[in-house]
C-alpha atoms as a PDB file:
ATOM      1  CA  MET A   1      89.211 104.072 131.162  1.00  0.00           C
ATOM      2  CA  LYS A   2      89.369 100.262 131.476  1.00  0.00           C
ATOM      3  CA  SER A   3      87.521  99.809 128.184  1.00  0.00           C
ATOM      4  CA  LYS A   4      90.061 102.040 126.421  1.00  0.00           C
ATOM      5  CA  ILE A   5      92.935 100.025 127.890  1.00  0.00           C
ATOM      6  CA  LYS A   6      91.306  96.745 126.784  1.00  0.00           C
ATOM      7  CA  GLN A   7      90.684  98.156 123.322  1.00  0.00           C
ATOM      8  CA  SER A   8      94.300  99.310 123.028  1.00  0.00           C
ATOM      9  CA  LEU A   9      95.628  95.922 124.175  1.00  0.00           C
ATOM     10  CA  PHE A  10      93.360  94.103 121.729  1.00  0.00           C
ATOM     11  CA  LEU A  11      94.491  96.423 118.941  1.00  0.00           C
ATOM     12  CA  ILE A  12      98.175  95.811 119.688  1.00  0.00           C
ATOM     13  CA  ILE A  13      97.834  92.010 120.014  1.00  0.00           C
ATOM     14  CA  ALA A  14      95.676  91.663 116.874  1.00  0.00           C
ATOM     15  CA  SER A  15      98.039  93.867 114.849  1.00  0.00           C
ATOM     16  CA  LEU A  16     101.091  91.897 116.011  1.00  0.00           C
ATOM     17  CA  LEU A  17      99.401  88.597 115.134  1.00  0.00           C
ATOM     18  CA  ALA A  18      98.461  89.865 111.679  1.00  0.00           C
ATOM     19  CA  LEU A  19     102.010  91.146 111.126  1.00  0.00           C
ATOM     20  CA  PHE A  20     103.482  87.838 112.345  1.00  0.00           C
ATOM     21  CA  PHE A  21     101.501  85.738 109.871  1.00  0.00           C
ATOM     22  CA  VAL A  22     102.202  88.160 107.014  1.00  0.00           C
ATOM     23  CA  VAL A  23     105.949  87.943 107.732  1.00  0.00           C
ATOM     24  CA  ILE A  24     105.767  84.124 107.714  1.00  0.00           C
ATOM     25  CA  THR A  25     104.099  84.307 104.307  1.00  0.00           C
ATOM     26  CA  VAL A  26     106.555  86.646 102.614  1.00  0.00           C
ATOM     27  CA  LYS A  27     109.857  85.479 104.120  1.00  0.00           C
ATOM     28  CA  GLN A  28     110.170  82.595 101.632  1.00  0.00           C
ATOM     29  CA  ILE A  29     109.990  84.901  98.600  1.00  0.00           C
ATOM     30  CA  ASP A  30     112.906  85.924  96.385  1.00  0.00           C
ATOM     31  CA  PHE A  31     112.891  89.626  97.255  1.00  0.00           C
ATOM     32  CA  GLU A  32     115.676  90.441  94.798  1.00  0.00           C
ATOM     33  CA  ARG A  33     113.459  89.433  91.893  1.00  0.00           C
ATOM     34  CA  VAL A  34     110.477  91.210  93.454  1.00  0.00           C
ATOM     35  CA  ALA A  35     112.552  94.398  93.771  1.00  0.00           C
ATOM     36  CA  ASN A  36     113.474  94.208  90.073  1.00  0.00           C
ATOM     37  CA  VAL A  37     109.843  93.653  89.105  1.00  0.00           C
ATOM     38  CA  LEU A  38     108.675  96.632  91.178  1.00  0.00           C
ATOM     39  CA  THR A  39     110.816  98.982  89.082  1.00  0.00           C
ATOM     40  CA  GLU A  40     108.730  98.022  86.018  1.00  0.00           C
ATOM     41  CA  THR A  41     105.359  97.887  87.775  1.00  0.00           C
ATOM     42  CA  ASN A  42     102.440 100.114  86.769  1.00  0.00           C
ATOM     43  CA  TYR A  43     101.078 100.911  90.234  1.00  0.00           C
ATOM     44  CA  PHE A  44      97.847 102.397  88.902  1.00  0.00           C
ATOM     45  CA  TRP A  45      96.458  98.886  88.413  1.00  0.00           C
ATOM     46  CA  ILE A  46      97.595  97.765  91.870  1.00  0.00           C
ATOM     47  CA  PHE A  47      95.753 100.667  93.488  1.00  0.00           C
ATOM     48  CA  ALA A  48      92.723 100.031  91.255  1.00  0.00           C
ATOM     49  CA  SER A  49      92.600  96.439  92.560  1.00  0.00           C
ATOM     50  CA  MET A  50      92.836  97.710  96.143  1.00  0.00           C
ATOM     51  CA  ALA A  51      90.027 100.214  95.552  1.00  0.00           C
ATOM     52  CA  ILE A  52      87.791  97.490  94.114  1.00  0.00           C
ATOM     53  CA  SER A  53      88.508  95.282  97.128  1.00  0.00           C
ATOM     54  CA  ILE A  54      87.136  98.028  99.398  1.00  0.00           C
ATOM     55  CA  LEU A  55      84.144  98.390  97.077  1.00  0.00           C
ATOM     56  CA  THR A  56      83.387  94.690  97.633  1.00  0.00           C
ATOM     57  CA  TYR A  57      83.087  95.397 101.374  1.00  0.00           C
ATOM     58  CA  TRP A  58      80.365  97.982 100.669  1.00  0.00           C
ATOM     59  CA  ILE A  59      78.553  95.704  98.196  1.00  0.00           C
ATOM     60  CA  ARG A  60      78.626  92.870 100.719  1.00  0.00           C
ATOM     61  CA  ALA A  61      77.309  95.207 103.438  1.00  0.00           C
ATOM     62  CA  SER A  62      74.483  96.360 101.147  1.00  0.00           C
ATOM     63  CA  ARG A  63      73.548  92.762 100.363  1.00  0.00           C
ATOM     64  CA  TRP A  64      73.721  91.887 104.069  1.00  0.00           C
ATOM     65  CA  ASN A  65      71.157  94.599 104.827  1.00  0.00           C
ATOM     66  CA  LEU A  66      68.689  92.925 102.477  1.00  0.00           C
ATOM     67  CA  LEU A  67      68.922  89.727 104.557  1.00  0.00           C
ATOM     68  CA  LEU A  68      68.494  91.580 107.860  1.00  0.00           C
ATOM     69  CA  HIS A  69      65.436  93.615 106.794  1.00  0.00           C
ATOM     70  CA  PRO A  70      62.952  90.661 106.716  1.00  0.00           C
ATOM     71  CA  MET A  71      63.719  90.077 110.418  1.00  0.00           C
ATOM     72  CA  GLY A  72      62.803  93.689 111.234  1.00  0.00           C
ATOM     73  CA  TYR A  73      66.309  95.178 111.493  1.00  0.00           C
ATOM     74  CA  ASN A  74      66.823  98.317 109.412  1.00  0.00           C
ATOM     75  CA  THR A  75      70.555  98.550 109.861  1.00  0.00           C
ATOM     76  CA  LYS A  76      72.819 101.164 108.307  1.00  0.00           C
ATOM     77  CA  THR A  77      74.977 100.063 105.411  1.00  0.00           C
ATOM     78  CA  SER A  78      77.900 101.880 107.022  1.00  0.00           C
ATOM     79  CA  SER A  79      77.555  99.694 110.151  1.00  0.00           C
ATOM     80  CA  GLY A  80      77.671  96.558 108.033  1.00  0.00           C
ATOM     81  CA  PHE A  81      80.662  97.959 106.137  1.00  0.00           C
ATOM     82  CA  TRP A  82      82.695  98.519 109.316  1.00  0.00           C
ATOM     83  CA  ALA A  83      81.675  95.104 110.676  1.00  0.00           C
ATOM     84  CA  ILE A  84      82.943  93.474 107.482  1.00  0.00           C
ATOM     85  CA  CYS A  85      86.187  95.477 107.556  1.00  0.00           C
ATOM     86  CA  PHE A  86      86.750  94.258 111.106  1.00  0.00           C
ATOM     87  CA  ALA A  87      85.898  90.682 110.077  1.00  0.00           C
ATOM     88  CA  TYR A  88      88.539  90.603 107.330  1.00  0.00           C
ATOM     89  CA  PHE A  89      91.074  92.068 109.740  1.00  0.00           C
ATOM     90  CA  MET A  90      90.338  89.323 112.272  1.00  0.00           C
ATOM     91  CA  ASN A  91      90.714  86.649 109.576  1.00  0.00           C
ATOM     92  CA  LEU A  92      94.346  87.736 109.290  1.00  0.00           C
ATOM     93  CA  THR A  93      94.899  86.549 112.856  1.00  0.00           C
ATOM     94  CA  ILE A  94      92.674  83.512 113.458  1.00  0.00           C
ATOM     95  CA  PRO A  95      91.168  81.484 110.555  1.00  0.00           C
ATOM     96  CA  ARG A  96      87.400  81.974 110.145  1.00  0.00           C
ATOM     97  CA  SER A  97      87.207  84.174 113.249  1.00  0.00           C
ATOM     98  CA  GLY A  98      85.925  86.977 111.044  1.00  0.00           C
ATOM     99  CA  GLU A  99      82.411  85.530 110.825  1.00  0.00           C
ATOM    100  CA  VAL A 100      82.018  85.628 114.601  1.00  0.00           C
ATOM    101  CA  ALA A 101      83.655  89.069 114.826  1.00  0.00           C
ATOM    102  CA  ARG A 102      81.314  90.382 112.131  1.00  0.00           C
ATOM    103  CA  ALA A 103      78.132  89.313 113.917  1.00  0.00           C
ATOM    104  CA  THR A 104      79.469  90.467 117.295  1.00  0.00           C
ATOM    105  CA  SER A 105      80.437  93.932 116.054  1.00  0.00           C
ATOM    106  CA  LEU A 106      77.060  94.414 114.341  1.00  0.00           C
ATOM    107  CA  TYR A 107      75.359  93.672 117.653  1.00  0.00           C
ATOM    108  CA  LYS A 108      77.491  96.338 119.303  1.00  0.00           C
ATOM    109  CA  MET A 109      76.478  98.936 116.701  1.00  0.00           C
ATOM    110  CA  GLU A 110      72.904  97.992 115.740  1.00  0.00           C
ATOM    111  CA  LYS A 111      71.769  95.605 118.514  1.00  0.00           C
ATOM    112  CA  VAL A 112      70.987  92.821 116.056  1.00  0.00           C
ATOM    113  CA  PRO A 113      71.061  89.558 118.073  1.00  0.00           C
ATOM    114  CA  PHE A 114      74.271  87.665 117.415  1.00  0.00           C
ATOM    115  CA  GLU A 115      72.607  84.380 116.491  1.00  0.00           C
ATOM    116  CA  LYS A 116      70.351  86.016 113.875  1.00  0.00           C
ATOM    117  CA  SER A 117      73.067  88.017 112.140  1.00  0.00           C
ATOM    118  CA  PHE A 118      75.385  85.005 112.327  1.00  0.00           C
ATOM    119  CA  GLY A 119      72.676  82.979 110.588  1.00  0.00           C
ATOM    120  CA  THR A 120      72.693  85.458 107.692  1.00  0.00           C
ATOM    121  CA  VAL A 121      76.498  85.229 107.552  1.00  0.00           C
ATOM    122  CA  VAL A 122      76.226  81.420 107.255  1.00  0.00           C
ATOM    123  CA  LEU A 123      73.645  81.914 104.505  1.00  0.00           C
ATOM    124  CA  GLU A 124      75.987  84.299 102.688  1.00  0.00           C
ATOM    125  CA  ARG A 125      78.748  81.704 102.771  1.00  0.00           C
ATOM    126  CA  VAL A 126      76.422  79.158 101.177  1.00  0.00           C
ATOM    127  CA  ILE A 127      75.529  81.659  98.433  1.00  0.00           C
ATOM    128  CA  ASP A 128      79.210  82.472  97.896  1.00  0.00           C
ATOM    129  CA  LEU A 129      79.884  78.744  97.585  1.00  0.00           C
ATOM    130  CA  LEU A 130      77.249  78.530  94.842  1.00  0.00           C
ATOM    131  CA  PHE A 131      78.890  81.398  92.942  1.00  0.00           C
ATOM    132  CA  LEU A 132      82.275  79.764  93.436  1.00  0.00           C
ATOM    133  CA  GLY A 133      80.778  76.614  91.916  1.00  0.00           C
ATOM    134  CA  LEU A 134      79.455  78.641  88.963  1.00  0.00           C
ATOM    135  CA  SER A 135      82.888  80.213  88.456  1.00  0.00           C
ATOM    136  CA  PHE A 136      84.495  76.768  88.678  1.00  0.00           C
ATOM    137  CA  THR A 137      82.110  75.462  85.999  1.00  0.00           C
ATOM    138  CA  LEU A 138      83.052  78.330  83.665  1.00  0.00           C
ATOM    139  CA  THR A 139      86.719  77.659  84.391  1.00  0.00           C
ATOM    140  CA  LEU A 140      86.194  73.989  83.573  1.00  0.00           C
ATOM    141  CA  ILE A 141      84.695  74.983  80.211  1.00  0.00           C
ATOM    142  CA  PHE A 142      87.241  77.613  79.174  1.00  0.00           C
ATOM    143  CA  ASN A 143      90.360  76.447  81.059  1.00  0.00           C
ATOM    144  CA  TYR A 144      90.028  72.671  81.223  1.00  0.00           C
ATOM    145  CA  GLU A 145      93.647  71.884  80.389  1.00  0.00           C
ATOM    146  CA  THR A 146      94.986  74.551  82.768  1.00  0.00           C
ATOM    147  CA  LEU A 147      92.745  73.280  85.557  1.00  0.00           C
ATOM    148  CA  MET A 148      93.934  69.694  85.043  1.00  0.00           C
ATOM    149  CA  LYS A 149      97.563  70.858  85.151  1.00  0.00           C
ATOM    150  CA  PHE A 150      96.807  72.774  88.348  1.00  0.00           C
ATOM    151  CA  ILE A 151      95.300  69.686  90.015  1.00  0.00           C
ATOM    152  CA  GLU A 152      98.230  67.553  88.831  1.00  0.00           C
ATOM    153  CA  LEU A 153     100.786  70.010  90.238  1.00  0.00           C
ATOM    154  CA  GLY A 154      98.837  70.282  93.476  1.00  0.00           C
ATOM    155  CA  ASN A 155      98.872  66.497  93.896  1.00  0.00           C
ATOM    156  CA  LYS A 156     102.632  66.410  93.272  1.00  0.00           C
ATOM    157  CA  GLU A 157     103.192  69.108  95.900  1.00  0.00           C
ATOM    158  CA  LYS A 158     101.050  67.210  98.391  1.00  0.00           C
ATOM    159  CA  ALA A 159     102.902  63.951  97.711  1.00  0.00           C
ATOM    160  CA  HIS A 160     106.244  65.720  98.094  1.00  0.00           C
ATOM    161  CA  GLN A 161     105.280  67.187 101.470  1.00  0.00           C
ATOM    162  CA  SER A 162     103.815  63.939 102.880  1.00  0.00           C
ATOM    163  CA  SER A 163     106.207  60.995 102.736  1.00  0.00           C
ATOM    164  CA  SER A 164     104.262  58.650 105.046  1.00  0.00           C
ATOM    165  CA  GLU A 165     100.863  57.028 104.734  1.00  0.00           C
ATOM    166  CA  PRO A 166      98.085  58.961 106.496  1.00  0.00           C
ATOM    167  CA  SER A 167      96.791  57.519 109.745  1.00  0.00           C
ATOM    168  CA  PHE A 168      93.030  57.120 110.137  1.00  0.00           C
ATOM    169  CA  LEU A 169      93.273  56.592 113.904  1.00  0.00           C
ATOM    170  CA  LYS A 170      92.286  60.196 114.679  1.00  0.00           C
ATOM    171  CA  TYR A 171      89.129  59.795 112.573  1.00  0.00           C
ATOM    172  CA  TYR A 172      88.159  56.624 114.415  1.00  0.00           C
ATOM    173  CA  ILE A 173      88.701  58.382 117.753  1.00  0.00           C
ATOM    174  CA  ALA A 174      86.586  61.343 116.613  1.00  0.00           C
ATOM    175  CA  LEU A 175      83.763  59.028 115.487  1.00  0.00           C
ATOM    176  CA  GLY A 176      83.962  57.158 118.797  1.00  0.00           C
ATOM    177  CA  ILE A 177      83.676  60.395 120.803  1.00  0.00           C
ATOM    178  CA  LEU A 178      80.770  61.510 118.622  1.00  0.00           C
ATOM    179  CA  PHE A 179      78.953  58.206 119.097  1.00  0.00           C
ATOM    180  CA  LEU A 180      79.526  58.305 122.877  1.00  0.00           C
ATOM    181  CA  GLY A 181      78.269  61.884 123.037  1.00  0.00           C
ATOM    182  CA  LEU A 182      75.076  60.993 121.136  1.00  0.00           C
ATOM    183  CA  LEU A 183      74.515  57.995 123.380  1.00  0.00           C
ATOM    184  CA  LEU A 184      74.835  60.110 126.554  1.00  0.00           C
ATOM    185  CA  LEU A 185      72.547  62.735 125.015  1.00  0.00           C
ATOM    186  CA  ILE A 186      69.822  60.128 124.405  1.00  0.00           C
ATOM    187  CA  ILE A 187      70.153  58.590 127.876  1.00  0.00           C
ATOM    188  CA  PHE A 188      70.072  61.893 129.778  1.00  0.00           C
ATOM    189  CA  TRP A 189      67.848  63.823 127.350  1.00  0.00           C
ATOM    190  CA  LYS A 190      65.096  64.608 129.873  1.00  0.00           C
ATOM    191  CA  LYS A 191      67.499  66.139 132.385  1.00  0.00           C
ATOM    192  CA  ILE A 192      69.524  67.981 129.744  1.00  0.00           C
ATOM    193  CA  SER A 193      66.395  69.512 128.176  1.00  0.00           C
ATOM    194  CA  GLN A 194      65.469  71.100 131.518  1.00  0.00           C
ATOM    195  CA  THR A 195      68.754  72.960 132.036  1.00  0.00           C
ATOM    196  CA  LYS A 196      69.307  76.685 131.387  1.00  0.00           C
ATOM    197  CA  PHE A 197      72.233  75.844 129.135  1.00  0.00           C
ATOM    198  CA  PHE A 198      69.936  73.804 126.883  1.00  0.00           C
ATOM    199  CA  GLU A 199      67.531  76.752 126.656  1.00  0.00           C
ATOM    200  CA  LYS A 200      70.390  79.027 125.606  1.00  0.00           C
ATOM    201  CA  ILE A 201      71.476  76.565 122.935  1.00  0.00           C
ATOM    202  CA  LYS A 202      67.887  76.242 121.742  1.00  0.00           C
ATOM    203  CA  THR A 203      67.471  80.040 121.542  1.00  0.00           C
ATOM    204  CA  PHE A 204      70.739  80.332 119.642  1.00  0.00           C
ATOM    205  CA  LEU A 205      69.802  77.632 117.109  1.00  0.00           C
ATOM    206  CA  LEU A 206      66.322  79.116 116.541  1.00  0.00           C
ATOM    207  CA  GLY A 207      67.858  82.544 115.961  1.00  0.00           C
ATOM    208  CA  LEU A 208      70.446  81.019 113.647  1.00  0.00           C
ATOM    209  CA  TRP A 209      67.716  79.314 111.636  1.00  0.00           C
ATOM    210  CA  GLU A 210      65.720  82.562 111.445  1.00  0.00           C
ATOM    211  CA  GLY A 211      68.760  84.262 109.960  1.00  0.00           C
ATOM    212  CA  ILE A 212      69.311  81.476 107.430  1.00  0.00           C
ATOM    213  CA  LYS A 213      65.687  81.391 106.264  1.00  0.00           C
ATOM    214  CA  SER A 214      65.557  85.208 105.892  1.00  0.00           C
ATOM    215  CA  ILE A 215      66.309  84.694 102.196  1.00  0.00           C
ATOM    216  CA  SER A 216      62.811  83.260 101.738  1.00  0.00           C
ATOM    217  CA  LYS A 217      61.338  86.632 102.833  1.00  0.00           C
ATOM    218  CA  LEU A 218      63.524  88.904 100.705  1.00  0.00           C
ATOM    219  CA  GLN A 219      61.693  92.020  99.555  1.00  0.00           C
ATOM    220  CA  LYS A 220      64.240  93.011  96.870  1.00  0.00           C
ATOM    221  CA  ARG A 221      65.332  89.732  95.319  1.00  0.00           C
ATOM    222  CA  GLY A 222      66.429  91.331  92.053  1.00  0.00           C
ATOM    223  CA  LEU A 223      68.725  93.712  93.920  1.00  0.00           C
ATOM    224  CA  PHE A 224      70.089  90.827  96.000  1.00  0.00           C
ATOM    225  CA  ILE A 225      70.955  88.855  92.845  1.00  0.00           C
ATOM    226  CA  PHE A 226      72.541  91.976  91.315  1.00  0.00           C
ATOM    227  CA  TYR A 227      74.728  92.510  94.396  1.00  0.00           C
ATOM    228  CA  SER A 228      75.789  88.842  94.324  1.00  0.00           C
ATOM    229  CA  PHE A 229      76.876  88.988  90.672  1.00  0.00           C
ATOM    230  CA  ALA A 230      78.501  92.404  91.181  1.00  0.00           C
ATOM    231  CA  LEU A 231      80.462  91.040  94.126  1.00  0.00           C
ATOM    232  CA  TRP A 232      81.974  88.185  92.151  1.00  0.00           C
ATOM    233  CA  PHE A 233      82.594  90.364  89.113  1.00  0.00           C
ATOM    234  CA  CYS A 234      84.614  92.656  91.396  1.00  0.00           C
ATOM    235  CA  TYR A 235      86.530  89.645  92.720  1.00  0.00           C
ATOM    236  CA  PHE A 236      87.397  88.808  89.110  1.00  0.00           C
ATOM    237  CA  LEU A 237      88.519  92.388  88.409  1.00  0.00           C
ATOM    238  CA  MET A 238      90.717  92.426  91.525  1.00  0.00           C
ATOM    239  CA  THR A 239      92.947  89.829  89.846  1.00  0.00           C
ATOM    240  CA  TYR A 240      92.372  90.661  86.165  1.00  0.00           C
ATOM    241  CA  LEU A 241      93.357  94.338  86.448  1.00  0.00           C
ATOM    242  CA  VAL A 242      96.683  93.444  88.076  1.00  0.00           C
ATOM    243  CA  PHE A 243      97.670  91.667  84.838  1.00  0.00           C
ATOM    244  CA  PHE A 244      98.236  95.122  83.326  1.00  0.00           C
ATOM    245  CA  ALA A 245     100.627  96.066  86.139  1.00  0.00           C
ATOM    246  CA  PHE A 246     103.443  93.710  85.033  1.00  0.00           C
ATOM    247  CA  PRO A 247     105.128  93.186  81.645  1.00  0.00           C
ATOM    248  CA  ASP A 248     105.063  89.378  82.115  1.00  0.00           C
ATOM    249  CA  THR A 249     101.260  89.224  82.492  1.00  0.00           C
ATOM    250  CA  GLN A 250     100.001  91.969  80.156  1.00  0.00           C
ATOM    251  CA  ASN A 251      99.195  89.351  77.509  1.00  0.00           C
ATOM    252  CA  PHE A 252      96.924  87.426  79.879  1.00  0.00           C
ATOM    253  CA  GLY A 253      93.214  87.537  79.129  1.00  0.00           C
ATOM    254  CA  VAL A 254      89.784  86.914  80.637  1.00  0.00           C
ATOM    255  CA  ALA A 255      90.225  83.123  80.615  1.00  0.00           C
ATOM    256  CA  GLU A 256      93.395  83.331  82.725  1.00  0.00           C
ATOM    257  CA  GLY A 257      91.681  85.850  85.002  1.00  0.00           C
ATOM    258  CA  LEU A 258      88.795  83.453  85.578  1.00  0.00           C
ATOM    259  CA  PHE A 259      91.140  80.556  86.333  1.00  0.00           C
ATOM    260  CA  LEU A 260      93.229  82.625  88.767  1.00  0.00           C
ATOM    261  CA  LEU A 261      90.014  83.774  90.471  1.00  0.00           C
ATOM    262  CA  ILE A 262      89.289  80.137  91.301  1.00  0.00           C
ATOM    263  CA  ALA A 263      92.883  79.429  92.354  1.00  0.00           C
ATOM    264  CA  GLY A 264      93.038  82.592  94.462  1.00  0.00           C
ATOM    265  CA  SER A 265      89.687  81.794  96.089  1.00  0.00           C
ATOM    266  CA  LEU A 266      91.046  78.388  97.055  1.00  0.00           C
ATOM    267  CA  GLY A 267      94.086  80.057  98.601  1.00  0.00           C
ATOM    268  CA  MET A 268      91.937  82.446 100.641  1.00  0.00           C
ATOM    269  CA  ILE A 269      89.337  79.941 101.907  1.00  0.00           C
ATOM    270  CA  LEU A 270      91.885  77.411 103.175  1.00  0.00           C
ATOM    271  CA  PRO A 271      91.821  77.530 107.008  1.00  0.00           C
ATOM    272  CA  VAL A 272      95.274  79.095 107.346  1.00  0.00           C
ATOM    273  CA  SER A 273      95.966  82.223 109.400  1.00  0.00           C
ATOM    274  CA  GLY A 274      96.816  85.421 107.585  1.00  0.00           C
ATOM    275  CA  GLY A 275      95.883  84.108 104.147  1.00  0.00           C
ATOM    276  CA  LEU A 276      99.225  82.261 104.152  1.00  0.00           C
ATOM    277  CA  ALA A 277      98.117  79.868 101.411  1.00  0.00           C
ATOM    278  CA  TYR A 278      97.316  82.561  98.824  1.00  0.00           C
ATOM    279  CA  PRO A 279     100.804  83.337  97.390  1.00  0.00           C
ATOM    280  CA  TYR A 280     101.696  79.634  97.488  1.00  0.00           C
ATOM    281  CA  VAL A 281      98.571  78.573  95.578  1.00  0.00           C
ATOM    282  CA  MET A 282      99.035  81.384  93.057  1.00  0.00           C
ATOM    283  CA  SER A 283     102.580  80.239  92.271  1.00  0.00           C
ATOM    284  CA  ILE A 284     101.252  76.741  91.460  1.00  0.00           C
ATOM    285  CA  ALA A 285      98.433  78.298  89.408  1.00  0.00           C
ATOM    286  CA  PHE A 286     100.888  80.257  87.252  1.00  0.00           C
ATOM    287  CA  SER A 287     102.933  77.082  86.735  1.00  0.00           C
ATOM    288  CA  ALA A 288      99.760  75.426  85.441  1.00  0.00           C
ATOM    289  CA  VAL A 289      99.019  78.364  83.111  1.00  0.00           C
ATOM    290  CA  TYR A 290     102.501  78.187  81.585  1.00  0.00           C
ATOM    291  CA  LEU A 291     102.428  74.396  81.253  1.00  0.00           C
ATOM    292  CA  ALA A 292      99.031  74.539  79.516  1.00  0.00           C
ATOM    293  CA  LYS A 293     100.470  77.054  77.042  1.00  0.00           C
ATOM    294  CA  GLY A 294     103.497  74.889  76.374  1.00  0.00           C
ATOM    295  CA  GLY A 295     105.794  77.129  78.402  1.00  0.00           C
ATOM    296  CA  ASN A 296     108.297  76.531  81.178  1.00  0.00           C
ATOM    297  CA  GLN A 297     106.868  75.506  84.546  1.00  0.00           C
ATOM    298  CA  ASP A 298     109.657  77.122  86.577  1.00  0.00           C
ATOM    299  CA  GLU A 299     109.270  80.416  84.735  1.00  0.00           C
ATOM    300  CA  GLY A 300     105.549  80.386  85.442  1.00  0.00           C
ATOM    301  CA  ARG A 301     106.161  79.646  89.092  1.00  0.00           C
ATOM    302  CA  ALA A 302     108.666  82.498  89.402  1.00  0.00           C
ATOM    303  CA  ILE A 303     106.127  84.924  87.930  1.00  0.00           C
ATOM    304  CA  GLY A 304     103.398  83.483  90.156  1.00  0.00           C
ATOM    305  CA  ASP A 305     105.602  84.032  93.205  1.00  0.00           C
ATOM    306  CA  TYR A 306     105.884  87.788  92.746  1.00  0.00           C
ATOM    307  CA  PHE A 307     102.382  88.222  91.279  1.00  0.00           C
ATOM    308  CA  GLY A 308     100.759  86.405  94.207  1.00  0.00           C
ATOM    309  CA  LEU A 309     102.971  88.148  96.753  1.00  0.00           C
ATOM    310  CA  ILE A 310     102.352  91.690  95.487  1.00  0.00           C
ATOM    311  CA  LEU A 311      98.612  91.147  95.102  1.00  0.00           C
ATOM    312  CA  TYR A 312      98.519  89.540  98.556  1.00  0.00           C
ATOM    313  CA  ILE A 313     100.412  92.426 100.187  1.00  0.00           C
ATOM    314  CA  ALA A 314      98.152  94.979  98.456  1.00  0.00           C
ATOM    315  CA  GLN A 315      95.034  93.289  99.824  1.00  0.00           C
ATOM    316  CA  VAL A 316      96.553  92.847 103.294  1.00  0.00           C
ATOM    317  CA  ILE A 317      97.373  96.566 103.408  1.00  0.00           C
ATOM    318  CA  SER A 318      93.708  97.297 102.632  1.00  0.00           C
ATOM    319  CA  MET A 319      92.509  94.812 105.265  1.00  0.00           C
ATOM    320  CA  ILE A 320      94.789  96.127 108.003  1.00  0.00           C
ATOM    321  CA  THR A 321      94.151  99.802 107.200  1.00  0.00           C
ATOM    322  CA  PHE A 322      90.368  99.532 107.133  1.00  0.00           C
ATOM    323  CA  GLY A 323      90.366  96.972 109.938  1.00  0.00           C
ATOM    324  CA  LEU A 324      92.124  99.397 112.276  1.00  0.00           C
ATOM    325  CA  ILE A 325      89.746 102.191 111.257  1.00  0.00           C
ATOM    326  CA  ALA A 326      86.837  99.803 111.848  1.00  0.00           C
ATOM    327  CA  ILE A 327      87.931  99.131 115.429  1.00  0.00           C
ATOM    328  CA  TYR A 328      87.758 102.873 116.130  1.00  0.00           C
ATOM    329  CA  LYS A 329      84.453 103.328 114.258  1.00  0.00           C
ATOM    330  CA  ILE A 330      82.728 100.374 115.955  1.00  0.00           C
ATOM    331  CA  ALA A 331      83.771 101.624 119.389  1.00  0.00           C
ATOM    332  CA  ARG A 332      82.574 105.147 118.573  1.00  0.00           C
ATOM    333  CA  ILE A 333      79.209 104.031 117.174  1.00  0.00           C
ATOM    334  CA  ARG A 334      78.684 101.790 120.187  1.00  0.00           C
ATOM    335  CA  ARG A 335      79.534 104.630 122.556  1.00  0.00           C
ATOM    336  CA  ASP A 336      77.194 107.067 120.750  1.00  0.00           C
ATOM    337  CA  SER A 337      74.322 104.549 120.799  1.00  0.00           C
ATOM    338  CA  THR A 338      74.515 104.183 124.581  1.00  0.00           C
ATOM    339  CA  LYS A 339      74.304 107.919 125.301  1.00  0.00           C
END
């Protein structure tokens, strides 16, 4: 009974937090223009983008299994899928909390030690960073002028928001604390190394490293590479297909889709709750696209506002819907495994 009450309270609090951050994101948008755009929207492409976003969860879960197998854990793809759904839901509330939630929920369902599964999650992020770098390189080749305009606009926005010179005092304080901590660690190393807490930290780090190095023992490397490329191709499609939903963007092509993939990725990876940065970054990205084409910056920004907002809301609906289902599924799988 107590566990059900705790689960219900968690569900309510997490949902309210997610809703709060979503409201903060959308309240600055011109809803009158958005309403006019929605009357001309082809919703088939919006739903297609949402469906592909859910497909990426399954692809990521399948790729995750390949990293867990070398450590002796034959987990179900469905368990990984629900863990990932829950992770994205948690990211709507607290930045980067999804990685911890993902490893924790997998332990509840499949009993994979947290530190080992978390190590594979860290490894995945490194691999994703490499693919982001590859996508950035392609963008640099095919969208150089647009990318330069985007960086220029971003710098102007940053300068506009910060009128005073940055203070480096906090960095000096942080370095001082770090130095003091290292000094105390060296002085009291013998005593620290004999504590139970040190043993727990050591066990955690060894498990983390085992998860990270699991890639060296992959049994299906070709399949792993295929999943990685398929994942990023789906990310590209999630933006590209939405071009066909609006009259203003139907003339956009693959090059613009690739550039907006990079811009959108930047908006999603910034440590801001609820993905708040995504619509904002997309509006700047559209300004850059229009400037590079010799068009009007303000017109591009207006289109970017509603494009980023609608795509953002579509993805948030998917995250919240499957995140709430995941909470129920994880609890049920955990309960069934303990019977």
